């Protein structure tokens, strides 16, 4: 089954904020962050059930080398990214998006 990747507006804002934060600290780190996110998204698209369910069908995939995770859900033929969330934000942040 082929899934359409849909990045929610909040997840898009998360990505922009994280990229900007890393780039402000050191040029190129934001790009490395985005590369890792792209790699994880490709893995999710290949096998969306490989990552653990947190609640209400939403899953969490860690971003290697960065303290972020990708929160997503499969809805019909769409893989919907609900957020790209820093690991220290805690459950309240990801629960509000599921």
Protein backbone atom coordinates (compact mmCIF):
# COMPACT_ATOMS: atom_id res chain seq x y z
CA UNK A 1 0.00 0.00 0.00
CA UNK A 2 1.29 3.43 -0.94
CA UNK A 3 0.56 6.24 1.51
CA UNK A 4 0.33 9.95 0.79
CA UNK A 5 2.56 11.94 3.12
CA UNK A 6 0.62 14.82 4.69
CA UNK A 7 2.45 17.22 7.01
CA UNK A 8 0.04 19.13 9.22
CA UNK A 9 0.46 22.90 9.59
CA UNK A 10 1.59 22.45 13.22
CA UNK A 11 4.20 19.87 12.20
CA UNK A 12 5.39 22.18 9.43
CA UNK A 13 5.77 24.97 12.00
CA UNK A 14 7.64 22.56 14.31
CA UNK A 15 10.08 21.76 11.52
CA UNK A 16 10.65 25.41 10.66
CA UNK A 17 11.20 26.34 14.32
CA UNK A 18 13.67 23.50 14.92
CA UNK A 19 15.57 24.20 11.69
CA UNK A 20 15.84 27.88 12.55
CA UNK A 21 16.97 27.13 16.14
CA UNK A 22 19.75 24.81 14.94
CA UNK A 23 20.84 27.14 12.14
CA UNK A 24 21.03 30.08 14.58
CA UNK A 25 23.47 28.09 16.69
CA UNK A 26 25.64 26.73 13.87
CA UNK A 27 25.19 26.97 10.13
CA UNK A 28 24.44 23.61 8.53
CA UNK A 29 23.11 21.87 11.64
CA UNK A 30 19.53 22.71 10.69
CA UNK A 31 20.11 21.08 7.31
CA UNK A 32 21.50 17.96 9.02
CA UNK A 33 18.41 17.90 11.24
CA UNK A 34 16.14 18.05 8.18
CA UNK A 35 18.11 15.26 6.50
CA UNK A 36 17.54 13.02 9.53
CA UNK A 37 13.83 13.91 9.57
CA UNK A 38 13.59 13.03 5.86
CA UNK A 39 15.28 9.68 6.53
CA UNK A 40 12.83 8.85 9.31
CA UNK A 41 9.86 9.91 7.19
CA UNK A 42 11.05 7.58 4.42
CA UNK A 43 11.25 4.71 6.94
CA UNK A 44 7.77 5.52 8.23
CA UNK A 45 6.37 5.55 4.69
CA UNK A 46 7.94 2.16 3.96
CA UNK A 47 6.63 0.53 7.15
CA UNK A 48 4.30 2.78 9.16
CA UNK A 49 3.58 0.09 11.76
CA UNK A 50 7.21 -0.34 12.82
CA UNK A 51 7.07 2.40 15.46
CA UNK A 52 5.20 2.23 18.79
CA UNK A 53 1.69 3.53 19.33
CA UNK A 54 1.44 6.24 21.99
CA UNK A 55 -2.33 6.76 22.10
CA UNK A 56 -5.38 6.78 19.85
CA UNK A 57 -3.43 5.25 16.98
CA UNK A 58 -0.73 7.93 16.94
CA UNK A 59 2.82 6.62 16.69
CA UNK A 60 6.22 8.03 17.66
CA UNK A 61 9.44 7.72 15.65
CA UNK A 62 12.66 9.12 17.13
CA UNK A 63 14.93 11.29 14.99
CA UNK A 64 18.49 9.92 15.26
CA UNK A 65 21.15 12.28 16.68
CA UNK A 66 18.56 14.89 17.61
CA UNK A 67 16.23 15.03 20.65
CA UNK A 68 13.08 15.05 18.51
CA UNK A 69 10.41 12.59 17.55
CA UNK A 70 7.89 12.47 14.75
CA UNK A 71 4.30 12.00 15.86
CA UNK A 72 2.13 10.53 13.11
CA UNK A 73 -1.02 8.59 12.34
CA UNK A 74 -2.21 6.58 9.35
CA UNK A 75 -5.64 7.76 8.18
CA UNK A 76 -7.06 5.84 5.24
CA UNK A 77 -4.42 6.25 2.50
CA UNK A 78 -2.66 9.18 4.22
CA UNK A 79 0.28 9.20 6.57
CA UNK A 80 -0.40 12.34 8.59
CA UNK A 81 2.49 13.92 10.49
CA UNK A 82 0.94 15.53 13.56
CA UNK A 83 4.11 17.02 14.99
CA UNK A 84 7.88 17.03 15.16
CA UNK A 85 8.29 17.42 18.89
CA UNK A 86 11.30 17.89 21.15
CA UNK A 87 11.60 14.97 23.55
CA UNK A 88 11.64 17.21 26.63
CA UNK A 89 8.27 18.75 25.90
CA UNK A 90 6.58 15.91 27.68
CA UNK A 91 3.33 14.02 27.17
CA UNK A 92 1.08 17.06 27.38
CA UNK A 93 2.43 18.34 24.05
CA UNK A 94 1.98 15.15 22.06
CA UNK A 95 -1.30 14.23 23.75
CA UNK A 96 -2.77 17.56 22.66
CA UNK A 97 -2.11 16.59 19.04
CA UNK A 98 -3.56 13.07 18.97
